[in-house]
Amino acid sequence: MKGKKEFSIKDPFVLEIVDKKLKDYRKTISELEEKLDFFTAGSLRDYLKNIDEEIDFIKFCANYIQQEKDDGRDGSAANHRSVRNHLIDFFNRETVSINEIHFNMLVQFERYLKSERTITRINQLGKPVTTVSKPV
């Protein structure tokens, strides 16, 4: 075509990196098999872009809880919010990698829930309130 420019990578180092990334993408796409039918071009791009990203379970919980609220399932949302809050208390931080949740952690978490513990929550006025929570 007239006026169309051809672009090619000439730097062998960059070419090697791009080729490896494309090979990884092709492998990942082939492993999707029939699930590939459920992807649009945009959602596949996002999936490939975020595949190596570690999942923050607390963030996942927040999104799931919001979806439950949006669907009118306030009771389920409240139960799941309670579990999320207990996980935050247990880990003593606001982010938890999905890779940190395993059998031994769940056993320790169960022990934690069965013990008396001090928790701090933000009240409706935005101020922290500390209470002693009884064992579950």
N, C-alpha and C. Protein backbone atom coordinates (compact mmCIF):
# COMPACT_ATOMS: atom_id res chain seq x y z
N MET A 1 0.83 -1.19 0.00
CA MET A 1 0.00 0.00 0.00
C MET A 1 0.87 1.25 0.00
N LYS A 2 0.42 2.21 -0.70
CA LYS A 2 1.16 3.45 -0.78
C LYS A 2 1.03 4.21 0.55
N GLY A 3 2.14 4.71 1.04
CA GLY A 3 2.13 5.49 2.28
C GLY A 3 2.19 4.65 3.54
N LYS A 4 2.06 3.35 3.45
CA LYS A 4 2.11 2.47 4.62
C LYS A 4 3.56 2.18 4.97
N LYS A 5 3.89 2.36 6.23
CA LYS A 5 5.25 2.11 6.67
C LYS A 5 5.35 0.73 7.31
N GLU A 6 6.42 0.08 7.04
CA GLU A 6 6.70 -1.21 7.65
C GLU A 6 7.61 -0.98 8.84
N PHE A 7 7.25 -1.58 9.95
CA PHE A 7 8.07 -1.47 11.14
C PHE A 7 8.61 -2.84 11.50
N SER A 8 9.87 -2.90 11.80
CA SER A 8 10.46 -4.15 12.25
C SER A 8 11.51 -3.83 13.31
N ILE A 9 11.69 -4.77 14.20
CA ILE A 9 12.67 -4.61 15.27
C ILE A 9 14.02 -5.06 14.74
N LYS A 10 14.98 -4.19 14.85
CA LYS A 10 16.31 -4.50 14.33
C LYS A 10 17.30 -4.87 15.43
N ASP A 11 17.07 -4.39 16.63
CA ASP A 11 17.97 -4.67 17.75
C ASP A 11 17.78 -6.12 18.19
N PRO A 12 18.82 -6.98 18.10
CA PRO A 12 18.67 -8.39 18.46
C PRO A 12 18.27 -8.61 19.92
N PHE A 13 18.74 -7.77 20.83
CA PHE A 13 18.39 -7.91 22.24
C PHE A 13 16.90 -7.67 22.45
N VAL A 14 16.39 -6.59 21.88
CA VAL A 14 14.96 -6.27 21.99
C VAL A 14 14.13 -7.33 21.27
N LEU A 15 14.59 -7.77 20.11
CA LEU A 15 13.89 -8.80 19.34
C LEU A 15 13.75 -10.09 20.15
N GLU A 16 14.81 -10.47 20.86
CA GLU A 16 14.77 -11.67 21.69
C GLU A 16 13.73 -11.54 22.81
N ILE A 17 13.68 -10.37 23.44
CA ILE A 17 12.71 -10.14 24.52
C ILE A 17 11.28 -10.20 23.98
N VAL A 18 11.04 -9.53 22.87
CA VAL A 18 9.69 -9.51 22.27
C VAL A 18 9.29 -10.91 21.82
N ASP A 19 10.21 -11.64 21.19
CA ASP A 19 9.91 -13.01 20.75
C ASP A 19 9.55 -13.91 21.93
N LYS A 20 10.27 -13.78 23.03
CA LYS A 20 9.98 -14.59 24.22
C LYS A 20 8.60 -14.25 24.76
N LYS A 21 8.28 -12.95 24.83
CA LYS A 21 6.97 -12.53 25.34
C LYS A 21 5.85 -13.05 24.44
N LEU A 22 6.04 -12.95 23.13
CA LEU A 22 5.02 -13.46 22.20
C LEU A 22 4.85 -14.97 22.33
N LYS A 23 5.96 -15.68 22.51
CA LYS A 23 5.90 -17.13 22.71
C LYS A 23 5.11 -17.46 23.98
N ASP A 24 5.37 -16.71 25.05
CA ASP A 24 4.63 -16.91 26.31
C ASP A 24 3.13 -16.64 26.11
N TYR A 25 2.80 -15.55 25.38
CA TYR A 25 1.40 -15.24 25.11
C TYR A 25 0.73 -16.35 24.32
N ARG A 26 1.40 -16.84 23.30
CA ARG A 26 0.83 -17.92 22.47
C ARG A 26 0.58 -19.18 23.30
N LYS A 27 1.53 -19.50 24.17
CA LYS A 27 1.38 -20.68 25.04
C LYS A 27 0.18 -20.50 25.97
N THR A 28 0.08 -19.33 26.59
CA THR A 28 -1.02 -19.05 27.50
C THR A 28 -2.36 -19.12 26.78
N ILE A 29 -2.43 -18.55 25.59
CA ILE A 29 -3.67 -18.57 24.81
C ILE A 29 -4.04 -20.00 24.43
N SER A 30 -3.07 -20.80 24.05
CA SER A 30 -3.38 -22.19 23.67
C SER A 30 -3.85 -23.00 24.88
N GLU A 31 -3.38 -22.66 26.06
CA GLU A 31 -3.80 -23.38 27.27
C GLU A 31 -5.23 -23.02 27.69
N LEU A 32 -5.75 -21.91 27.18
CA LEU A 32 -7.13 -21.54 27.49
C LEU A 32 -8.13 -22.49 26.85
N GLU A 33 -7.74 -23.11 25.75
CA GLU A 33 -8.57 -24.05 25.00
C GLU A 33 -9.95 -23.47 24.73
N GLU A 34 -11.03 -24.17 25.15
CA GLU A 34 -12.39 -23.72 24.83
C GLU A 34 -12.80 -22.47 25.60
N LYS A 35 -12.08 -22.15 26.69
CA LYS A 35 -12.39 -20.92 27.44
C LYS A 35 -12.10 -19.67 26.62
N LEU A 36 -11.28 -19.81 25.59
CA LEU A 36 -10.94 -18.69 24.72
C LEU A 36 -12.19 -18.09 24.07
N ASP A 37 -13.22 -18.91 23.87
CA ASP A 37 -14.46 -18.44 23.26
C ASP A 37 -15.15 -17.36 24.09
N PHE A 38 -14.87 -17.30 25.38
CA PHE A 38 -15.52 -16.34 26.26
C PHE A 38 -14.80 -15.00 26.32
N PHE A 39 -13.67 -14.87 25.65
CA PHE A 39 -12.89 -13.64 25.67
C PHE A 39 -13.20 -12.78 24.45
N THR A 40 -13.24 -11.47 24.68
CA THR A 40 -13.22 -10.53 23.56
C THR A 40 -11.74 -10.19 23.36
N ALA A 41 -11.44 -9.47 22.30
CA ALA A 41 -10.04 -9.07 22.06
C ALA A 41 -9.54 -8.23 23.24
N GLY A 42 -10.38 -7.33 23.74
CA GLY A 42 -9.98 -6.47 24.86
C GLY A 42 -9.79 -7.24 26.16
N SER A 43 -10.70 -8.16 26.43
CA SER A 43 -10.58 -8.92 27.69
C SER A 43 -9.39 -9.88 27.63
N LEU A 44 -9.08 -10.41 26.43
CA LEU A 44 -7.90 -11.26 26.28
C LEU A 44 -6.63 -10.44 26.50
N ARG A 45 -6.61 -9.24 25.95
CA ARG A 45 -5.46 -8.34 26.16
C ARG A 45 -5.26 -8.09 27.66
N ASP A 46 -6.34 -7.75 28.36
CA ASP A 46 -6.25 -7.49 29.80
C ASP A 46 -5.81 -8.73 30.57
N TYR A 47 -6.32 -9.88 30.18
CA TYR A 47 -5.94 -11.14 30.82
C TYR A 47 -4.44 -11.40 30.66
N LEU A 48 -3.94 -11.24 29.44
CA LEU A 48 -2.52 -11.47 29.18
C LEU A 48 -1.65 -10.44 29.89
N LYS A 49 -2.12 -9.23 29.96
CA LYS A 49 -1.36 -8.15 30.59
C LYS A 49 -1.23 -8.38 32.10
N ASN A 50 -2.26 -8.94 32.71
CA ASN A 50 -2.30 -9.08 34.16
C ASN A 50 -2.01 -10.49 34.65
N ILE A 51 -1.65 -11.39 33.76
CA ILE A 51 -1.49 -12.80 34.15
C ILE A 51 -0.40 -13.01 35.20
N ASP A 52 0.65 -12.23 35.14
CA ASP A 52 1.74 -12.39 36.10
C ASP A 52 1.53 -11.57 37.37
N GLU A 53 0.49 -10.76 37.38
CA GLU A 53 0.23 -9.91 38.52
C GLU A 53 -0.29 -10.75 39.68
N GLU A 54 0.25 -10.51 40.83
CA GLU A 54 -0.19 -11.25 42.01
C GLU A 54 -1.55 -10.72 42.44
N ILE A 55 -2.45 -11.61 42.81
CA ILE A 55 -3.80 -11.22 43.19
C ILE A 55 -3.81 -10.83 44.66
N ASP A 56 -4.33 -9.63 44.93
CA ASP A 56 -4.52 -9.17 46.31
C ASP A 56 -5.89 -9.68 46.76
N PHE A 57 -5.88 -10.63 47.70
CA PHE A 57 -7.13 -11.25 48.12
C PHE A 57 -8.06 -10.26 48.80
N ILE A 58 -7.52 -9.30 49.53
CA ILE A 58 -8.36 -8.30 50.21
C ILE A 58 -9.06 -7.43 49.17
N LYS A 59 -8.35 -7.04 48.14
CA LYS A 59 -8.95 -6.25 47.06
C LYS A 59 -10.02 -7.07 46.34
N PHE A 60 -9.71 -8.34 46.09
CA PHE A 60 -10.69 -9.24 45.47
C PHE A 60 -11.95 -9.31 46.33
N CYS A 61 -11.78 -9.44 47.65
CA CYS A 61 -12.92 -9.50 48.57
C CYS A 61 -13.75 -8.23 48.47
N ALA A 62 -13.07 -7.07 48.47
CA ALA A 62 -13.79 -5.79 48.40
C ALA A 62 -14.63 -5.71 47.13
N ASN A 63 -14.06 -6.13 46.00
CA ASN A 63 -14.81 -6.11 44.74
C ASN A 63 -16.00 -7.06 44.79
N TYR A 64 -15.78 -8.24 45.37
CA TYR A 64 -16.85 -9.23 45.47
C TYR A 64 -17.97 -8.73 46.39
N ILE A 65 -17.59 -8.13 47.50
CA ILE A 65 -18.58 -7.59 48.45
C ILE A 65 -19.40 -6.49 47.78
N GLN A 66 -18.74 -5.62 47.02
CA GLN A 66 -19.45 -4.56 46.31
C GLN A 66 -20.43 -5.15 45.30
N GLN A 67 -20.01 -6.20 44.60
CA GLN A 67 -20.90 -6.85 43.64
C GLN A 67 -22.13 -7.43 44.33
N GLU A 68 -21.92 -8.03 45.51
CA GLU A 68 -23.06 -8.57 46.28
C GLU A 68 -24.01 -7.45 46.68
N LYS A 69 -23.46 -6.32 47.13
CA LYS A 69 -24.31 -5.19 47.50
C LYS A 69 -25.09 -4.68 46.30
N ASP A 70 -24.40 -4.58 45.16
CA ASP A 70 -25.06 -4.12 43.92
C ASP A 70 -26.17 -5.06 43.50
N ASP A 71 -26.02 -6.35 43.81
CA ASP A 71 -27.03 -7.35 43.46
C ASP A 71 -28.13 -7.47 44.52
N GLY A 72 -28.06 -6.63 45.56
CA GLY A 72 -29.09 -6.63 46.60
C GLY A 72 -28.93 -7.72 47.63
N ARG A 73 -27.75 -8.32 47.72
CA ARG A 73 -27.50 -9.39 48.69
C ARG A 73 -26.71 -8.81 49.87
N ASP A 74 -27.36 -7.90 50.60
CA ASP A 74 -26.70 -7.19 51.68
C ASP A 74 -26.28 -8.11 52.82
N GLY A 75 -27.06 -9.14 53.10
CA GLY A 75 -26.72 -10.08 54.17
C GLY A 75 -25.43 -10.83 53.86
N SER A 76 -25.32 -11.34 52.65
CA SER A 76 -24.09 -12.02 52.24
C SER A 76 -22.92 -11.07 52.23
N ALA A 77 -23.16 -9.84 51.77
CA ALA A 77 -22.09 -8.84 51.73
C ALA A 77 -21.58 -8.56 53.15
N ALA A 78 -22.49 -8.47 54.12
CA ALA A 78 -22.08 -8.21 55.50
C ALA A 78 -21.26 -9.37 56.06
N ASN A 79 -21.66 -10.60 55.76
CA ASN A 79 -20.90 -11.77 56.23
C ASN A 79 -19.49 -11.80 55.62
N HIS A 80 -19.42 -11.53 54.33
CA HIS A 80 -18.12 -11.55 53.67
C HIS A 80 -17.24 -10.38 54.11
N ARG A 81 -17.86 -9.23 54.40
CA ARG A 81 -17.11 -8.08 54.91
C ARG A 81 -16.50 -8.42 56.27
N SER A 82 -17.25 -9.16 57.08
CA SER A 82 -16.74 -9.58 58.38
C SER A 82 -15.52 -10.49 58.23
N VAL A 83 -15.60 -11.44 57.31
CA VAL A 83 -14.46 -12.34 57.05
C VAL A 83 -13.27 -11.54 56.56
N ARG A 84 -13.51 -10.62 55.63
CA ARG A 84 -12.41 -9.78 55.11
C ARG A 84 -11.76 -8.98 56.24
N ASN A 85 -12.58 -8.40 57.11
CA ASN A 85 -12.03 -7.63 58.23
C ASN A 85 -11.21 -8.50 59.17
N HIS A 86 -11.67 -9.72 59.43
CA HIS A 86 -10.91 -10.65 60.28
C HIS A 86 -9.58 -11.02 59.63
N LEU A 87 -9.57 -11.18 58.30
CA LEU A 87 -8.31 -11.46 57.60
C LEU A 87 -7.34 -10.29 57.72
N ILE A 88 -7.85 -9.08 57.59
CA ILE A 88 -7.01 -7.89 57.75
C ILE A 88 -6.43 -7.84 59.15
N ASP A 89 -7.26 -8.14 60.15
CA ASP A 89 -6.78 -8.17 61.54
C ASP A 89 -5.73 -9.26 61.73
N PHE A 90 -5.99 -10.43 61.18
CA PHE A 90 -5.08 -11.58 61.33
C PHE A 90 -3.71 -11.26 60.72
N PHE A 91 -3.69 -10.72 59.50
CA PHE A 91 -2.43 -10.41 58.84
C PHE A 91 -1.84 -9.08 59.29
N ASN A 92 -2.67 -8.27 59.93
CA ASN A 92 -2.26 -6.96 60.42
C ASN A 92 -1.81 -6.04 59.27
N ARG A 93 -2.52 -6.15 58.13
CA ARG A 93 -2.24 -5.29 56.98
C ARG A 93 -3.42 -5.35 56.02
N GLU A 94 -3.46 -4.38 55.11
CA GLU A 94 -4.59 -4.22 54.19
C GLU A 94 -4.44 -4.98 52.87
N THR A 95 -3.28 -5.56 52.61
CA THR A 95 -3.09 -6.34 51.39
C THR A 95 -2.58 -7.73 51.75
N VAL A 96 -3.16 -8.72 51.10
CA VAL A 96 -2.77 -10.11 51.33
C VAL A 96 -2.74 -10.82 49.98
N SER A 97 -1.60 -11.35 49.64
CA SER A 97 -1.47 -12.08 48.38
C SER A 97 -2.25 -13.38 48.46
N ILE A 98 -2.85 -13.76 47.37
CA ILE A 98 -3.58 -15.03 47.30
C ILE A 98 -2.63 -16.19 47.61
N ASN A 99 -1.34 -16.01 47.34
CA ASN A 99 -0.35 -17.05 47.59
C ASN A 99 -0.10 -17.28 49.08
N GLU A 100 -0.53 -16.34 49.91
CA GLU A 100 -0.36 -16.49 51.36
C GLU A 100 -1.46 -17.31 52.01
N ILE A 101 -2.48 -17.64 51.25
CA ILE A 101 -3.61 -18.39 51.79
C ILE A 101 -3.40 -19.86 51.42
N HIS A 102 -3.14 -20.65 52.45
CA HIS A 102 -2.88 -22.08 52.27
C HIS A 102 -3.37 -22.81 53.52
N PHE A 103 -3.23 -24.11 53.53
CA PHE A 103 -3.78 -24.93 54.61
C PHE A 103 -3.30 -24.49 55.99
N ASN A 104 -1.98 -24.36 56.17
CA ASN A 104 -1.45 -23.99 57.48
C ASN A 104 -1.94 -22.62 57.93
N MET A 105 -2.03 -21.68 56.99
CA MET A 105 -2.54 -20.35 57.32
C MET A 105 -3.99 -20.43 57.78
N LEU A 106 -4.79 -21.25 57.11
CA LEU A 106 -6.19 -21.39 57.49
C LEU A 106 -6.34 -22.01 58.88
N VAL A 107 -5.47 -22.95 59.22
CA VAL A 107 -5.49 -23.54 60.57
C VAL A 107 -5.16 -22.46 61.60
N GLN A 108 -4.13 -21.65 61.32
CA GLN A 108 -3.77 -20.56 62.24
C GLN A 108 -4.88 -19.52 62.32
N PHE A 109 -5.52 -19.24 61.20
CA PHE A 109 -6.62 -18.28 61.17
C PHE A 109 -7.80 -18.78 62.02
N GLU A 110 -8.08 -20.07 61.93
CA GLU A 110 -9.15 -20.65 62.74
C GLU A 110 -8.83 -20.49 64.23
N ARG A 111 -7.59 -20.78 64.62
CA ARG A 111 -7.17 -20.59 66.02
C ARG A 111 -7.33 -19.14 66.44
N TYR A 112 -6.94 -18.24 65.54
CA TYR A 112 -7.06 -16.81 65.80
C TYR A 112 -8.52 -16.43 66.07
N LEU A 113 -9.43 -16.94 65.24
CA LEU A 113 -10.85 -16.62 65.41
C LEU A 113 -11.42 -17.21 66.70
N LYS A 114 -10.84 -18.30 67.16
CA LYS A 114 -11.32 -18.96 68.38
C LYS A 114 -10.72 -18.36 69.64
N SER A 115 -9.89 -17.34 69.47
CA SER A 115 -9.27 -16.70 70.64
C SER A 115 -9.86 -15.30 70.84
N GLU A 116 -9.72 -14.79 72.06
CA GLU A 116 -10.12 -13.42 72.32
C GLU A 116 -9.08 -12.51 71.69
N ARG A 117 -9.53 -11.46 70.99
CA ARG A 117 -8.58 -10.59 70.30
C ARG A 117 -9.05 -9.14 70.34
N THR A 118 -8.10 -8.24 70.28
CA THR A 118 -8.40 -6.81 70.26
C THR A 118 -8.44 -6.36 68.81
N ILE A 119 -9.54 -5.68 68.45
CA ILE A 119 -9.68 -5.21 67.07
C ILE A 119 -9.98 -3.72 67.06
N THR A 120 -9.57 -3.07 66.00
CA THR A 120 -9.85 -1.65 65.82
C THR A 120 -10.59 -1.47 64.50
N ARG A 121 -11.71 -0.75 64.57
CA ARG A 121 -12.51 -0.46 63.39
C ARG A 121 -12.76 1.04 63.34
N ILE A 122 -13.00 1.54 62.14
CA ILE A 122 -13.36 2.94 61.95
C ILE A 122 -14.87 3.04 62.05
N ASN A 123 -15.35 3.93 62.94
CA ASN A 123 -16.79 4.08 63.10
C ASN A 123 -17.37 5.01 62.03
N GLN A 124 -18.69 5.26 62.09
CA GLN A 124 -19.35 6.06 61.08
C GLN A 124 -18.89 7.51 61.09
N LEU A 125 -18.20 7.95 62.14
CA LEU A 125 -17.66 9.31 62.20
C LEU A 125 -16.22 9.37 61.71
N GLY A 126 -15.69 8.20 61.28
CA GLY A 126 -14.33 8.15 60.75
C GLY A 126 -13.26 8.04 61.83
N LYS A 127 -13.67 7.73 63.05
CA LYS A 127 -12.71 7.62 64.14
C LYS A 127 -12.47 6.16 64.50
N PRO A 128 -11.23 5.80 64.84
CA PRO A 128 -10.95 4.41 65.22
C PRO A 128 -11.54 4.08 66.59
N VAL A 129 -12.14 2.90 66.66
CA VAL A 129 -12.71 2.40 67.91
C VAL A 129 -12.10 1.02 68.16
N THR A 130 -11.51 0.84 69.34
CA THR A 130 -10.88 -0.43 69.68
C THR A 130 -11.78 -1.19 70.65
N THR A 131 -12.01 -2.46 70.34
CA THR A 131 -12.83 -3.32 71.21
C THR A 131 -12.15 -4.67 71.36
N VAL A 132 -12.59 -5.41 72.37
CA VAL A 132 -12.12 -6.78 72.56
C VAL A 132 -13.20 -7.69 71.99
N SER A 133 -12.80 -8.51 71.05
CA SER A 133 -13.74 -9.42 70.39
C SER A 133 -13.67 -10.79 71.06
N LYS A 134 -14.83 -11.34 71.32
CA LYS A 134 -14.90 -12.65 71.93
C LYS A 134 -14.60 -13.73 70.90
N PRO A 135 -14.19 -14.91 71.36
CA PRO A 135 -13.93 -16.01 70.42
C PRO A 135 -15.18 -16.37 69.62
N VAL A 136 -14.96 -16.77 68.38
CA VAL A 136 -16.08 -17.18 67.52
C VAL A 136 -16.43 -18.60 67.85
